[in-house]
Amino acid sequence: MNFIARHSVGLIAATALLILAAVDIAPAQEAASPPALTLELNALQPSEKGCRLTFVVTNNLGAALDKVGFEVALFNQAQVVDRITLLDFKELPQGKTKVRRFDLGELDCTKVTRVLVNDSTECAGAGVDTKACIRQLNPITKSGIQFGS
C-alpha cells in the first residue's frame, strides 16, 4: 500500500471514530437535561359552561407525583386579572404525558389574553420537594395566548 492510500484509510478510520463518539455523546447529553414539569397551554375553546382550557402536562421531575395543582390567574384585554382559579391535575406518573381539560363557567375565551401560573397549590410524591412543581415548571403555549409563571 502506498503512502497516500495508508493515510486515506487512517483518515477514514479517524472520521468513523469521531462520528461514533458523537452518537454516543448525544444520549448522555439528553439524559443530563434538568428535571422539569412541562405545562403546555394547548387550547382555549368555548364550551357550554363558558371556556375550556386544555393543558398537556409532562412529568420529568424524576419521581411520580401523587397530586399536582396550580393556582392560575386569567387576564382580560385590559391586562386586568379577570379570575383566579385552582386547577387540579391529579396524579402524574414519572415520564408520562397527560391531557387535562378544565371548564371555567361564565368565562369568555375571546377575552382571555394571558394566563399566569401564580403558584403550585399541590405537589406531592415520594421524595418530591413540595416546591418542585413551581420551581421546575416549564410553561409553554400553543394557544396563541401569553402563558407563563
N, C-alpha and C. Protein backbone atom coordinates (compact mmCIF):
# COMPACT_ATOMS: atom_id res chain seq x y z
N MET A 1 0.85 -1.16 0.00
CA MET A 1 0.00 0.00 0.00
C MET A 1 0.90 1.23 0.00
N ASN A 2 0.56 2.20 -0.83
CA ASN A 2 1.39 3.40 -0.89
C ASN A 2 1.04 4.37 0.23
N PHE A 3 1.83 5.42 0.33
CA PHE A 3 1.71 6.42 1.41
C PHE A 3 0.32 7.07 1.42
N ILE A 4 -0.18 7.50 0.29
CA ILE A 4 -1.48 8.19 0.21
C ILE A 4 -2.60 7.24 0.59
N ALA A 5 -2.56 6.01 0.12
CA ALA A 5 -3.60 5.04 0.45
C ALA A 5 -3.62 4.75 1.94
N ARG A 6 -2.44 4.59 2.58
CA ARG A 6 -2.39 4.33 4.03
C ARG A 6 -2.98 5.50 4.81
N HIS A 7 -2.66 6.71 4.44
CA HIS A 7 -3.18 7.88 5.15
C HIS A 7 -4.67 8.08 4.91
N SER A 8 -5.17 7.72 3.72
CA SER A 8 -6.60 7.82 3.44
C SER A 8 -7.38 6.85 4.32
N VAL A 9 -6.85 5.62 4.45
CA VAL A 9 -7.51 4.64 5.33
C VAL A 9 -7.50 5.14 6.76
N GLY A 10 -6.39 5.69 7.20
CA GLY A 10 -6.30 6.23 8.56
C GLY A 10 -7.28 7.38 8.78
N LEU A 11 -7.41 8.26 7.78
CA LEU A 11 -8.34 9.40 7.88
C LEU A 11 -9.78 8.91 7.93
N ILE A 12 -10.12 7.92 7.13
CA ILE A 12 -11.47 7.36 7.15
C ILE A 12 -11.77 6.72 8.50
N ALA A 13 -10.81 5.99 9.05
CA ALA A 13 -11.00 5.36 10.36
C ALA A 13 -11.17 6.40 11.45
N ALA A 14 -10.38 7.46 11.41
CA ALA A 14 -10.49 8.53 12.42
C ALA A 14 -11.83 9.23 12.32
N THR A 15 -12.30 9.48 11.10
CA THR A 15 -13.60 10.11 10.90
C THR A 15 -14.72 9.22 11.44
N ALA A 16 -14.65 7.94 11.18
CA ALA A 16 -15.65 7.00 11.67
C ALA A 16 -15.69 6.99 13.20
N LEU A 17 -14.53 7.02 13.83
CA LEU A 17 -14.47 7.06 15.30
C LEU A 17 -15.09 8.33 15.85
N LEU A 18 -14.85 9.46 15.20
CA LEU A 18 -15.45 10.73 15.64
C LEU A 18 -16.97 10.69 15.53
N ILE A 19 -17.47 10.13 14.45
CA ILE A 19 -18.92 10.01 14.27
C ILE A 19 -19.52 9.12 15.35
N LEU A 20 -18.87 7.98 15.61
CA LEU A 20 -19.36 7.07 16.66
C LEU A 20 -19.32 7.73 18.03
N ALA A 21 -18.29 8.50 18.30
CA ALA A 21 -18.19 9.20 19.58
C ALA A 21 -19.30 10.22 19.72
N ALA A 22 -19.62 10.93 18.65
CA ALA A 22 -20.69 11.92 18.69
C ALA A 22 -22.04 11.26 18.93
N VAL A 23 -22.27 10.11 18.32
CA VAL A 23 -23.51 9.37 18.53
C VAL A 23 -23.61 8.91 19.98
N ASP A 24 -22.53 8.46 20.57
CA ASP A 24 -22.54 8.00 21.96
C ASP A 24 -22.74 9.16 22.93
N ILE A 25 -22.27 10.34 22.60
CA ILE A 25 -22.40 11.50 23.48
C ILE A 25 -23.82 12.03 23.50
N ALA A 26 -24.53 12.01 22.38
CA ALA A 26 -25.87 12.59 22.28
C ALA A 26 -26.83 12.05 23.33
N PRO A 27 -26.98 10.72 23.51
CA PRO A 27 -27.91 10.25 24.54
C PRO A 27 -27.49 10.69 25.94
N ALA A 28 -26.22 10.77 26.22
CA ALA A 28 -25.76 11.20 27.53
C ALA A 28 -26.14 12.65 27.78
N GLN A 29 -26.07 13.47 26.75
CA GLN A 29 -26.44 14.88 26.91
C GLN A 29 -27.94 15.01 27.15
N GLU A 30 -28.76 14.20 26.45
CA GLU A 30 -30.20 14.23 26.65
C GLU A 30 -30.55 13.80 28.07
N ALA A 31 -29.89 12.78 28.57
CA ALA A 31 -30.17 12.27 29.92
C ALA A 31 -29.78 13.29 30.98
N ALA A 32 -28.86 14.19 30.65
CA ALA A 32 -28.39 15.16 31.61
C ALA A 32 -29.29 16.39 31.71
N SER A 33 -30.38 16.45 30.92
CA SER A 33 -31.25 17.62 30.99
C SER A 33 -31.87 17.71 32.38
N PRO A 34 -32.04 18.93 32.88
CA PRO A 34 -32.53 19.09 34.24
C PRO A 34 -33.98 18.61 34.38
N PRO A 35 -34.33 18.11 35.55
CA PRO A 35 -35.71 17.66 35.78
C PRO A 35 -36.67 18.83 35.59
N ALA A 36 -37.83 18.55 35.01
CA ALA A 36 -38.81 19.62 34.77
C ALA A 36 -40.21 19.04 34.74
N LEU A 37 -41.15 19.91 35.03
CA LEU A 37 -42.57 19.62 34.86
C LEU A 37 -43.04 20.57 33.76
N THR A 38 -43.28 20.01 32.58
CA THR A 38 -43.68 20.84 31.44
C THR A 38 -45.19 20.97 31.42
N LEU A 39 -45.65 22.21 31.41
CA LEU A 39 -47.08 22.51 31.39
C LEU A 39 -47.36 23.35 30.15
N GLU A 40 -48.06 22.75 29.20
CA GLU A 40 -48.38 23.43 27.95
C GLU A 40 -49.84 23.85 27.94
N LEU A 41 -50.07 25.16 27.73
CA LEU A 41 -51.43 25.64 27.49
C LEU A 41 -51.69 25.35 26.02
N ASN A 42 -52.49 24.33 25.75
CA ASN A 42 -52.66 23.84 24.40
C ASN A 42 -53.79 24.55 23.66
N ALA A 43 -54.88 24.85 24.36
CA ALA A 43 -56.02 25.47 23.69
C ALA A 43 -56.98 26.12 24.67
N LEU A 44 -57.68 27.14 24.19
CA LEU A 44 -58.82 27.74 24.88
C LEU A 44 -59.96 27.67 23.88
N GLN A 45 -61.07 27.03 24.29
CA GLN A 45 -62.19 26.86 23.39
C GLN A 45 -63.50 27.13 24.11
N PRO A 46 -64.44 27.78 23.44
CA PRO A 46 -65.76 27.97 24.06
C PRO A 46 -66.39 26.61 24.38
N SER A 47 -67.08 26.55 25.51
CA SER A 47 -67.80 25.33 25.89
C SER A 47 -69.19 25.73 26.36
N GLU A 48 -70.02 24.73 26.64
CA GLU A 48 -71.38 25.01 27.11
C GLU A 48 -71.36 25.81 28.41
N LYS A 49 -70.35 25.60 29.24
CA LYS A 49 -70.27 26.27 30.53
C LYS A 49 -69.61 27.65 30.43
N GLY A 50 -68.74 27.84 29.45
CA GLY A 50 -68.00 29.09 29.33
C GLY A 50 -66.78 28.93 28.46
N CYS A 51 -65.64 28.61 29.10
CA CYS A 51 -64.39 28.46 28.37
C CYS A 51 -63.67 27.19 28.84
N ARG A 52 -63.23 26.41 27.89
CA ARG A 52 -62.50 25.18 28.21
C ARG A 52 -61.01 25.41 27.95
N LEU A 53 -60.20 25.21 29.00
CA LEU A 53 -58.75 25.29 28.88
C LEU A 53 -58.22 23.87 28.79
N THR A 54 -57.39 23.63 27.77
CA THR A 54 -56.78 22.31 27.59
C THR A 54 -55.29 22.43 27.82
N PHE A 55 -54.77 21.58 28.71
CA PHE A 55 -53.35 21.55 29.05
C PHE A 55 -52.76 20.19 28.70
N VAL A 56 -51.50 20.19 28.29
CA VAL A 56 -50.73 18.97 28.12
C VAL A 56 -49.60 19.08 29.14
N VAL A 57 -49.51 18.10 30.03
CA VAL A 57 -48.53 18.15 31.11
C VAL A 57 -47.65 16.91 31.05
N THR A 58 -46.33 17.11 31.19
CA THR A 58 -45.37 16.02 31.17
C THR A 58 -44.51 16.08 32.43
N ASN A 59 -44.49 14.98 33.16
CA ASN A 59 -43.72 14.90 34.39
C ASN A 59 -42.35 14.29 34.12
N ASN A 60 -41.33 15.12 34.14
CA ASN A 60 -39.94 14.66 34.05
C ASN A 60 -39.16 15.14 35.28
N LEU A 61 -39.81 15.09 36.43
CA LEU A 61 -39.17 15.52 37.68
C LEU A 61 -38.30 14.42 38.29
N GLY A 62 -38.42 13.20 37.79
CA GLY A 62 -37.63 12.10 38.32
C GLY A 62 -38.38 11.24 39.32
N ALA A 63 -39.63 11.58 39.60
CA ALA A 63 -40.45 10.79 40.52
C ALA A 63 -41.92 10.98 40.17
N ALA A 64 -42.72 9.99 40.51
CA ALA A 64 -44.16 10.08 40.29
C ALA A 64 -44.76 11.14 41.21
N LEU A 65 -45.75 11.82 40.72
CA LEU A 65 -46.47 12.81 41.52
C LEU A 65 -47.85 12.26 41.85
N ASP A 66 -48.18 12.22 43.13
CA ASP A 66 -49.48 11.73 43.57
C ASP A 66 -50.57 12.77 43.41
N LYS A 67 -50.18 14.04 43.49
CA LYS A 67 -51.14 15.13 43.40
C LYS A 67 -50.43 16.39 42.94
N VAL A 68 -50.99 17.03 41.92
CA VAL A 68 -50.44 18.27 41.39
C VAL A 68 -51.57 19.26 41.19
N GLY A 69 -51.39 20.47 41.67
CA GLY A 69 -52.39 21.52 41.47
C GLY A 69 -51.72 22.87 41.32
N PHE A 70 -52.37 23.74 40.55
CA PHE A 70 -51.84 25.08 40.33
C PHE A 70 -52.93 26.12 40.50
N GLU A 71 -52.52 27.28 40.99
CA GLU A 71 -53.37 28.46 41.03
C GLU A 71 -53.01 29.28 39.80
N VAL A 72 -54.00 29.58 38.96
CA VAL A 72 -53.74 30.37 37.76
C VAL A 72 -54.59 31.63 37.76
N ALA A 73 -54.02 32.68 37.21
CA ALA A 73 -54.72 33.95 37.04
C ALA A 73 -54.97 34.16 35.56
N LEU A 74 -56.17 34.56 35.22
CA LEU A 74 -56.53 34.84 33.83
C LEU A 74 -56.75 36.34 33.67
N PHE A 75 -56.05 36.90 32.70
CA PHE A 75 -56.11 38.34 32.45
C PHE A 75 -57.01 38.63 31.26
N ASN A 76 -57.70 39.79 31.32
CA ASN A 76 -58.57 40.18 30.21
C ASN A 76 -57.83 41.12 29.25
N GLN A 77 -58.57 41.70 28.31
CA GLN A 77 -57.97 42.54 27.27
C GLN A 77 -57.34 43.82 27.84
N ALA A 78 -57.78 44.25 29.00
CA ALA A 78 -57.21 45.45 29.64
C ALA A 78 -56.02 45.08 30.53
N GLN A 79 -55.57 43.81 30.46
CA GLN A 79 -54.47 43.28 31.28
C GLN A 79 -54.79 43.36 32.77
N VAL A 80 -56.07 43.20 33.08
CA VAL A 80 -56.56 43.17 34.46
C VAL A 80 -56.93 41.72 34.78
N VAL A 81 -56.61 41.28 35.99
CA VAL A 81 -56.95 39.92 36.39
C VAL A 81 -58.47 39.79 36.41
N ASP A 82 -58.97 38.89 35.59
CA ASP A 82 -60.40 38.63 35.50
C ASP A 82 -60.83 37.55 36.48
N ARG A 83 -59.91 36.58 36.69
CA ARG A 83 -60.25 35.45 37.54
C ARG A 83 -58.99 34.76 38.03
N ILE A 84 -59.06 34.25 39.26
CA ILE A 84 -58.03 33.37 39.81
C ILE A 84 -58.73 32.06 40.14
N THR A 85 -58.16 30.96 39.68
CA THR A 85 -58.81 29.67 39.89
C THR A 85 -57.77 28.60 40.20
N LEU A 86 -58.22 27.53 40.83
CA LEU A 86 -57.36 26.39 41.15
C LEU A 86 -57.62 25.26 40.17
N LEU A 87 -56.54 24.69 39.63
CA LEU A 87 -56.65 23.58 38.69
C LEU A 87 -55.97 22.35 39.27
N ASP A 88 -56.73 21.26 39.37
CA ASP A 88 -56.22 20.00 39.93
C ASP A 88 -55.83 19.06 38.80
N PHE A 89 -54.53 18.80 38.67
CA PHE A 89 -54.04 17.92 37.61
C PHE A 89 -53.96 16.46 38.05
N LYS A 90 -54.32 16.19 39.29
CA LYS A 90 -54.35 14.84 39.87
C LYS A 90 -52.97 14.21 39.87
N GLU A 91 -52.88 12.90 39.62
CA GLU A 91 -51.59 12.21 39.67
C GLU A 91 -50.91 12.23 38.30
N LEU A 92 -49.57 12.26 38.35
CA LEU A 92 -48.78 12.27 37.12
C LEU A 92 -47.60 11.30 37.28
N PRO A 93 -47.67 10.14 36.67
CA PRO A 93 -46.54 9.22 36.74
C PRO A 93 -45.28 9.83 36.13
N GLN A 94 -44.13 9.42 36.60
CA GLN A 94 -42.84 9.87 36.06
C GLN A 94 -42.75 9.53 34.58
N GLY A 95 -42.33 10.51 33.77
CA GLY A 95 -42.12 10.29 32.35
C GLY A 95 -43.40 10.25 31.53
N LYS A 96 -44.52 10.47 32.15
CA LYS A 96 -45.83 10.36 31.48
C LYS A 96 -46.32 11.73 31.03
N THR A 97 -46.97 11.77 29.89
CA THR A 97 -47.64 12.96 29.39
C THR A 97 -49.14 12.73 29.46
N LYS A 98 -49.87 13.72 29.98
CA LYS A 98 -51.33 13.63 30.10
C LYS A 98 -51.97 14.91 29.59
N VAL A 99 -53.21 14.78 29.17
CA VAL A 99 -54.02 15.93 28.76
C VAL A 99 -55.09 16.14 29.83
N ARG A 100 -55.23 17.37 30.26
CA ARG A 100 -56.26 17.73 31.24
C ARG A 100 -57.06 18.91 30.71
N ARG A 101 -58.38 18.83 30.87
CA ARG A 101 -59.27 19.92 30.44
C ARG A 101 -60.02 20.47 31.65
N PHE A 102 -60.20 21.77 31.62
CA PHE A 102 -60.91 22.45 32.70
C PHE A 102 -61.93 23.40 32.08
N ASP A 103 -63.20 23.24 32.46
CA ASP A 103 -64.25 24.14 32.00
C ASP A 103 -64.44 25.22 33.05
N LEU A 104 -64.24 26.46 32.64
CA LEU A 104 -64.42 27.60 33.55
C LEU A 104 -65.72 28.30 33.18
N GLY A 105 -66.68 28.19 34.08
CA GLY A 105 -68.01 28.76 33.83
C GLY A 105 -68.00 30.27 33.69
N GLU A 106 -68.89 30.73 32.81
CA GLU A 106 -69.12 32.16 32.59
C GLU A 106 -67.85 32.93 32.26
N LEU A 107 -66.96 32.29 31.50
CA LEU A 107 -65.74 32.96 31.06
C LEU A 107 -65.73 32.97 29.53
N ASP A 108 -65.54 34.14 28.96
CA ASP A 108 -65.47 34.30 27.51
C ASP A 108 -64.02 34.11 27.06
N CYS A 109 -63.75 33.02 26.35
CA CYS A 109 -62.39 32.70 25.90
C CYS A 109 -61.78 33.83 25.07
N THR A 110 -62.59 34.51 24.30
CA THR A 110 -62.06 35.54 23.40
C THR A 110 -61.52 36.75 24.16
N LYS A 111 -61.87 36.86 25.43
CA LYS A 111 -61.40 37.99 26.24
C LYS A 111 -60.16 37.66 27.07
N VAL A 112 -59.74 36.39 27.06
CA VAL A 112 -58.56 35.99 27.81
C VAL A 112 -57.33 36.29 26.96
N THR A 113 -56.41 37.10 27.50
CA THR A 113 -55.20 37.47 26.76
C THR A 113 -53.93 36.90 27.38
N ARG A 114 -54.04 36.47 28.62
CA ARG A 114 -52.86 35.97 29.32
C ARG A 114 -53.29 35.02 30.43
N VAL A 115 -52.51 33.94 30.61
CA VAL A 115 -52.73 33.00 31.70
C VAL A 115 -51.41 32.91 32.46
N LEU A 116 -51.48 33.19 33.75
CA LEU A 116 -50.29 33.20 34.61
C LEU A 116 -50.41 32.08 35.64
N VAL A 117 -49.38 31.24 35.74
CA VAL A 117 -49.33 30.25 36.81
C VAL A 117 -48.81 30.98 38.03
N ASN A 118 -49.70 31.25 38.96
CA ASN A 118 -49.39 32.05 40.14
C ASN A 118 -48.58 31.26 41.16
N ASP A 119 -48.97 29.99 41.36
CA ASP A 119 -48.29 29.17 42.36
C ASP A 119 -48.73 27.72 42.19
N SER A 120 -48.00 26.85 42.82
CA SER A 120 -48.37 25.44 42.91
C SER A 120 -49.11 25.26 44.23
N THR A 121 -50.31 24.72 44.17
CA THR A 121 -51.10 24.51 45.38
C THR A 121 -50.91 23.11 45.93
N GLU A 122 -50.50 22.19 45.06
CA GLU A 122 -50.24 20.80 45.46
C GLU A 122 -49.05 20.30 44.66
N CYS A 123 -48.16 19.60 45.32
CA CYS A 123 -47.01 18.97 44.66
C CYS A 123 -46.55 17.86 45.59
N ALA A 124 -47.17 16.69 45.44
CA ALA A 124 -46.91 15.61 46.38
C ALA A 124 -46.49 14.34 45.66
N GLY A 125 -45.46 13.71 46.19
CA GLY A 125 -44.98 12.44 45.67
C GLY A 125 -43.81 11.98 46.53
N ALA A 126 -43.54 10.70 46.52
CA ALA A 126 -42.45 10.15 47.33
C ALA A 126 -41.12 10.79 46.94
N GLY A 127 -40.50 11.46 47.89
CA GLY A 127 -39.19 12.08 47.67
C GLY A 127 -39.23 13.37 46.87
N VAL A 128 -40.42 13.94 46.65
CA VAL A 128 -40.55 15.16 45.86
C VAL A 128 -40.66 16.37 46.78
N ASP A 129 -39.83 17.38 46.52
CA ASP A 129 -39.90 18.64 47.24
C ASP A 129 -41.25 19.30 46.90
N THR A 130 -41.97 19.78 47.91
CA THR A 130 -43.29 20.36 47.69
C THR A 130 -43.26 21.60 46.79
N LYS A 131 -42.10 22.21 46.61
CA LYS A 131 -41.96 23.38 45.74
C LYS A 131 -41.41 23.03 44.35
N ALA A 132 -41.13 21.75 44.10
CA ALA A 132 -40.54 21.34 42.82
C ALA A 132 -41.46 21.66 41.64
N CYS A 133 -42.77 21.53 41.84
CA CYS A 133 -43.71 21.74 40.72
C CYS A 133 -43.70 23.19 40.23
N ILE A 134 -43.44 24.15 41.11
CA ILE A 134 -43.38 25.54 40.67
C ILE A 134 -41.95 25.95 40.32
N ARG A 135 -40.99 25.48 41.07
CA ARG A 135 -39.58 25.85 40.81
C ARG A 135 -39.06 25.26 39.51
N GLN A 136 -39.52 24.07 39.16
CA GLN A 136 -39.03 23.39 37.97
C GLN A 136 -40.08 23.34 36.87
N LEU A 137 -41.03 24.28 36.96
CA LEU A 137 -42.09 24.38 35.97
C LEU A 137 -41.54 24.95 34.67
N ASN A 138 -41.90 24.30 33.58
CA ASN A 138 -41.53 24.76 32.23
C ASN A 138 -42.83 25.06 31.49
N PRO A 139 -43.34 26.30 31.59
CA PRO A 139 -44.59 26.63 30.92
C PRO A 139 -44.37 26.98 29.45
N ILE A 140 -45.19 26.39 28.59
CA ILE A 140 -45.15 26.70 27.15
C ILE A 140 -46.58 26.84 26.64
N THR A 141 -46.75 27.44 25.48
CA THR A 141 -48.09 27.60 24.93
C THR A 141 -48.13 27.28 23.45
N LYS A 142 -49.24 26.74 23.04
CA LYS A 142 -49.54 26.55 21.62
C LYS A 142 -50.86 27.23 21.31
N SER A 143 -51.36 27.97 22.27
CA SER A 143 -52.70 28.56 22.16
C SER A 143 -52.72 29.94 21.52
N GLY A 144 -51.57 30.59 21.42
CA GLY A 144 -51.57 31.98 20.96
C GLY A 144 -51.80 32.96 22.10
N ILE A 145 -52.06 32.44 23.30
CA ILE A 145 -52.27 33.26 24.49
C ILE A 145 -50.97 33.28 25.27
N GLN A 146 -50.61 34.44 25.81
CA GLN A 146 -49.39 34.53 26.64
C GLN A 146 -49.58 33.64 27.86
N PHE A 147 -48.56 32.81 28.15
CA PHE A 147 -48.66 31.84 29.24
C PHE A 147 -47.31 31.72 29.91
N GLY A 148 -47.30 31.71 31.24
CA GLY A 148 -46.05 31.56 31.96
C GLY A 148 -46.23 31.61 33.46
N SER A 149 -45.10 31.68 34.14
CA SER A 149 -45.14 31.72 35.61
C SER A 149 -44.41 32.95 36.09
